[in-house]
Amino acid sequence: MRVYRISKTGETPYYLHLVSTLQGTKYVTSQTQMTTEELEELANS
């Protein structure tokens, strides 16, 4: 799992969450950082 905070001049920052699974890489963007539990749920879905 990796989490990146993305910020660009003049734009609201957001988080990019990357989760590697056997089925491939899943990603979610959100305004707040996801919890470990939320990321594990994403990995298992």
PDB file of N, CA and C in Angstrom:
ATOM      1  N   MET A   1       0.847  -1.177   0.000  1.00  0.00           N
ATOM      2  CA  MET A   1       0.000   0.000   0.000  1.00  0.00           C
ATOM      3  C   MET A   1       0.887   1.233   0.000  1.00  0.00           C
ATOM      4  N   ARG A   2       0.454   2.201  -0.750  1.00  0.00           N
ATOM      5  CA  ARG A   2       1.143   3.492  -0.796  1.00  0.00           C
ATOM      6  C   ARG A   2       0.095   4.598  -0.776  1.00  0.00           C
ATOM      7  N   VAL A   3       0.461   5.696  -0.129  1.00  0.00           N
ATOM      8  CA  VAL A   3      -0.417   6.862  -0.093  1.00  0.00           C
ATOM      9  C   VAL A   3       0.422   8.082  -0.456  1.00  0.00           C
ATOM     10  N   TYR A   4      -0.083   8.853  -1.403  1.00  0.00           N
ATOM     11  CA  TYR A   4       0.600  10.078  -1.840  1.00  0.00           C
ATOM     12  C   TYR A   4      -0.333  11.263  -1.648  1.00  0.00           C
ATOM     13  N   ARG A   5       0.208  12.351  -1.151  1.00  0.00           N
ATOM     14  CA  ARG A   5      -0.550  13.600  -1.063  1.00  0.00           C
ATOM     15  C   ARG A   5      -0.183  14.400  -2.304  1.00  0.00           C
ATOM     16  N   ILE A   6      -1.182  14.736  -3.096  1.00  0.00           N
ATOM     17  CA  ILE A   6      -0.979  15.462  -4.346  1.00  0.00           C
ATOM     18  C   ILE A   6      -1.407  16.911  -4.136  1.00  0.00           C
ATOM     19  N   SER A   7      -0.516  17.822  -4.453  1.00  0.00           N
ATOM     20  CA  SER A   7      -0.876  19.237  -4.351  1.00  0.00           C
ATOM     21  C   SER A   7      -0.347  19.973  -5.574  1.00  0.00           C
ATOM     22  N   LYS A   8      -1.222  20.764  -6.148  1.00  0.00           N
ATOM     23  CA  LYS A   8      -0.873  21.581  -7.307  1.00  0.00           C
ATOM     24  C   LYS A   8      -1.225  23.021  -6.981  1.00  0.00           C
ATOM     25  N   THR A   9      -0.439  23.928  -7.474  1.00  0.00           N
ATOM     26  CA  THR A   9      -0.666  25.341  -7.201  1.00  0.00           C
ATOM     27  C   THR A   9      -2.079  25.746  -7.605  1.00  0.00           C
ATOM     28  N   GLY A  10      -2.798  26.367  -6.665  1.00  0.00           N
ATOM     29  CA  GLY A  10      -4.135  26.863  -6.953  1.00  0.00           C
ATOM     30  C   GLY A  10      -5.235  25.817  -6.841  1.00  0.00           C
ATOM     31  N   GLU A  11      -4.890  24.562  -6.498  1.00  0.00           N
ATOM     32  CA  GLU A  11      -5.891  23.504  -6.376  1.00  0.00           C
ATOM     33  C   GLU A  11      -5.879  22.934  -4.960  1.00  0.00           C
ATOM     34  N   THR A  12      -7.002  22.361  -4.555  1.00  0.00           N
ATOM     35  CA  THR A  12      -7.110  21.724  -3.255  1.00  0.00           C
ATOM     36  C   THR A  12      -6.313  20.421  -3.266  1.00  0.00           C
ATOM     37  N   PRO A  13      -5.454  20.204  -2.265  1.00  0.00           N
ATOM     38  CA  PRO A  13      -4.700  18.946  -2.211  1.00  0.00           C
ATOM     39  C   PRO A  13      -5.630  17.741  -2.038  1.00  0.00           C
ATOM     40  N   TYR A  14      -5.183  16.585  -2.505  1.00  0.00           N
ATOM     41  CA  TYR A  14      -5.942  15.351  -2.328  1.00  0.00           C
ATOM     42  C   TYR A  14      -4.968  14.199  -2.148  1.00  0.00           C
ATOM     43  N   TYR A  15      -5.494  13.042  -1.773  1.00  0.00           N
ATOM     44  CA  TYR A  15      -4.668  11.865  -1.528  1.00  0.00           C
ATOM     45  C   TYR A  15      -4.921  10.819  -2.598  1.00  0.00           C
ATOM     46  N   LEU A  16      -3.848  10.177  -3.040  1.00  0.00           N
ATOM     47  CA  LEU A  16      -3.915   9.073  -3.977  1.00  0.00           C
ATOM     48  C   LEU A  16      -3.481   7.824  -3.216  1.00  0.00           C
ATOM     49  N   HIS A  17      -4.400   6.862  -3.089  1.00  0.00           N
ATOM     50  CA  HIS A  17      -4.144   5.618  -2.369  1.00  0.00           C
ATOM     51  C   HIS A  17      -3.978   4.497  -3.383  1.00  0.00           C
ATOM     52  N   LEU A  18      -2.842   3.788  -3.334  1.00  0.00           N
ATOM     53  CA  LEU A  18      -2.563   2.678  -4.239  1.00  0.00           C
ATOM     54  C   LEU A  18      -2.470   1.397  -3.421  1.00  0.00           C
ATOM     55  N   VAL A  19      -3.210   0.378  -3.849  1.00  0.00           N
ATOM     56  CA  VAL A  19      -3.208  -0.905  -3.159  1.00  0.00           C
ATOM     57  C   VAL A  19      -2.948  -1.999  -4.185  1.00  0.00           C
ATOM     58  N   SER A  20      -1.890  -2.783  -3.983  1.00  0.00           N
ATOM     59  CA  SER A  20      -1.576  -3.891  -4.888  1.00  0.00           C
ATOM     60  C   SER A  20      -2.267  -5.157  -4.401  1.00  0.00           C
ATOM     61  N   THR A  21      -2.934  -5.846  -5.315  1.00  0.00           N
ATOM     62  CA  THR A  21      -3.608  -7.102  -5.002  1.00  0.00           C
ATOM     63  C   THR A  21      -3.227  -8.142  -6.046  1.00  0.00           C
ATOM     64  N   LEU A  22      -3.636  -9.369  -5.841  1.00  0.00           N
ATOM     65  CA  LEU A  22      -3.372 -10.413  -6.827  1.00  0.00           C
ATOM     66  C   LEU A  22      -4.103 -10.136  -8.135  1.00  0.00           C
ATOM     67  N   GLN A  23      -5.195  -9.376  -8.080  1.00  0.00           N
ATOM     68  CA  GLN A  23      -5.978  -9.043  -9.268  1.00  0.00           C
ATOM     69  C   GLN A  23      -5.444  -7.798  -9.984  1.00  0.00           C
ATOM     70  N   GLY A  24      -4.475  -7.121  -9.393  1.00  0.00           N
ATOM     71  CA  GLY A  24      -3.919  -5.917  -9.995  1.00  0.00           C
ATOM     72  C   GLY A  24      -3.862  -4.786  -8.988  1.00  0.00           C
ATOM     73  N   THR A  25      -3.549  -3.610  -9.452  1.00  0.00           N
ATOM     74  CA  THR A  25      -3.446  -2.437  -8.586  1.00  0.00           C
ATOM     75  C   THR A  25      -4.770  -1.689  -8.578  1.00  0.00           C
ATOM     76  N   LYS A  26      -5.221  -1.355  -7.381  1.00  0.00           N
ATOM     77  CA  LYS A  26      -6.433  -0.552  -7.221  1.00  0.00           C
ATOM     78  C   LYS A  26      -6.001   0.818  -6.713  1.00  0.00           C
ATOM     79  N   TYR A  27      -6.732   1.840  -7.134  1.00  0.00           N
ATOM     80  CA  TYR A  27      -6.423   3.166  -6.622  1.00  0.00           C
ATOM     81  C   TYR A  27      -7.695   3.940  -6.338  1.00  0.00           C
ATOM     82  N   VAL A  28      -7.588   4.818  -5.344  1.00  0.00           N
ATOM     83  CA  VAL A  28      -8.707   5.673  -4.934  1.00  0.00           C
ATOM     84  C   VAL A  28      -8.132   7.048  -4.640  1.00  0.00           C
ATOM     85  N   THR A  29      -8.833   8.087  -5.065  1.00  0.00           N
ATOM     86  CA  THR A  29      -8.468   9.443  -4.682  1.00  0.00           C
ATOM     87  C   THR A  29      -9.522   9.958  -3.710  1.00  0.00           C
ATOM     88  N   SER A  30      -9.085  10.776  -2.759  1.00  0.00           N
ATOM     89  CA  SER A  30     -10.024  11.351  -1.802  1.00  0.00           C
ATOM     90  C   SER A  30      -9.426  12.618  -1.195  1.00  0.00           C
ATOM     91  N   GLN A  31     -10.277  13.419  -0.599  1.00  0.00           N
ATOM     92  CA  GLN A  31      -9.844  14.669   0.027  1.00  0.00           C
ATOM     93  C   GLN A  31      -9.137  14.414   1.354  1.00  0.00           C
ATOM     94  N   THR A  32      -9.392  13.257   1.984  1.00  0.00           N
ATOM     95  CA  THR A  32      -8.762  12.913   3.253  1.00  0.00           C
ATOM     96  C   THR A  32      -8.032  11.585   3.120  1.00  0.00           C
ATOM     97  N   GLN A  33      -7.071  11.384   3.981  1.00  0.00           N
ATOM     98  CA  GLN A  33      -6.313  10.140   3.950  1.00  0.00           C
ATOM     99  C   GLN A  33      -7.167   9.011   4.522  1.00  0.00           C
ATOM    100  N   MET A  34      -7.195   7.873   3.827  1.00  0.00           N
ATOM    101  CA  MET A  34      -7.979   6.724   4.275  1.00  0.00           C
ATOM    102  C   MET A  34      -7.267   6.042   5.439  1.00  0.00           C
ATOM    103  N   THR A  35      -8.052   5.371   6.291  1.00  0.00           N
ATOM    104  CA  THR A  35      -7.475   4.634   7.410  1.00  0.00           C
ATOM    105  C   THR A  35      -6.907   3.313   6.917  1.00  0.00           C
ATOM    106  N   THR A  36      -6.095   2.695   7.746  1.00  0.00           N
ATOM    107  CA  THR A  36      -5.544   1.378   7.416  1.00  0.00           C
ATOM    108  C   THR A  36      -6.660   0.373   7.195  1.00  0.00           C
ATOM    109  N   GLU A  37      -7.705   0.435   8.015  1.00  0.00           N
ATOM    110  CA  GLU A  37      -8.832  -0.478   7.877  1.00  0.00           C
ATOM    111  C   GLU A  37      -9.543  -0.298   6.525  1.00  0.00           C
ATOM    112  N   GLU A  38      -9.722   0.946   6.114  1.00  0.00           N
ATOM    113  CA  GLU A  38     -10.362   1.216   4.814  1.00  0.00           C
ATOM    114  C   GLU A  38      -9.508   0.693   3.666  1.00  0.00           C
ATOM    115  N   LEU A  39      -8.193   0.843   3.774  1.00  0.00           N
ATOM    116  CA  LEU A  39      -7.297   0.363   2.726  1.00  0.00           C
ATOM    117  C   LEU A  39      -7.286  -1.166   2.669  1.00  0.00           C
ATOM    118  N   GLU A  40      -7.323  -1.807   3.830  1.00  0.00           N
ATOM    119  CA  GLU A  40      -7.368  -3.280   3.859  1.00  0.00           C
ATOM    120  C   GLU A  40      -8.666  -3.780   3.269  1.00  0.00           C
ATOM    121  N   GLU A  41      -9.776  -3.079   3.542  1.00  0.00           N
ATOM    122  CA  GLU A  41     -11.071  -3.452   2.961  1.00  0.00           C
ATOM    123  C   GLU A  41     -11.023  -3.324   1.435  1.00  0.00           C
ATOM    124  N   LEU A  42     -10.398  -2.264   0.941  1.00  0.00           N
ATOM    125  CA  LEU A  42     -10.238  -2.074  -0.495  1.00  0.00           C
ATOM    126  C   LEU A  42      -9.416  -3.204  -1.106  1.00  0.00           C
ATOM    127  N   ALA A  43      -8.367  -3.605  -0.423  1.00  0.00           N
ATOM    128  CA  ALA A  43      -7.507  -4.676  -0.923  1.00  0.00           C
ATOM    129  C   ALA A  43      -8.239  -6.002  -0.983  1.00  0.00           C
ATOM    130  N   ASN A  44      -9.187  -6.215  -0.083  1.00  0.00           N
ATOM    131  CA  ASN A  44      -9.915  -7.480  -0.015  1.00  0.00           C
ATOM    132  C   ASN A  44     -11.210  -7.501  -0.819  1.00  0.00           C
ATOM    133  N   SER A  45     -11.549  -6.375  -1.447  1.00  0.00           N
ATOM    134  CA  SER A  45     -12.802  -6.338  -2.214  1.00  0.00           C
ATOM    135  C   SER A  45     -12.609  -6.720  -3.657  1.00  0.00           C
TER     136      SER A  45
END
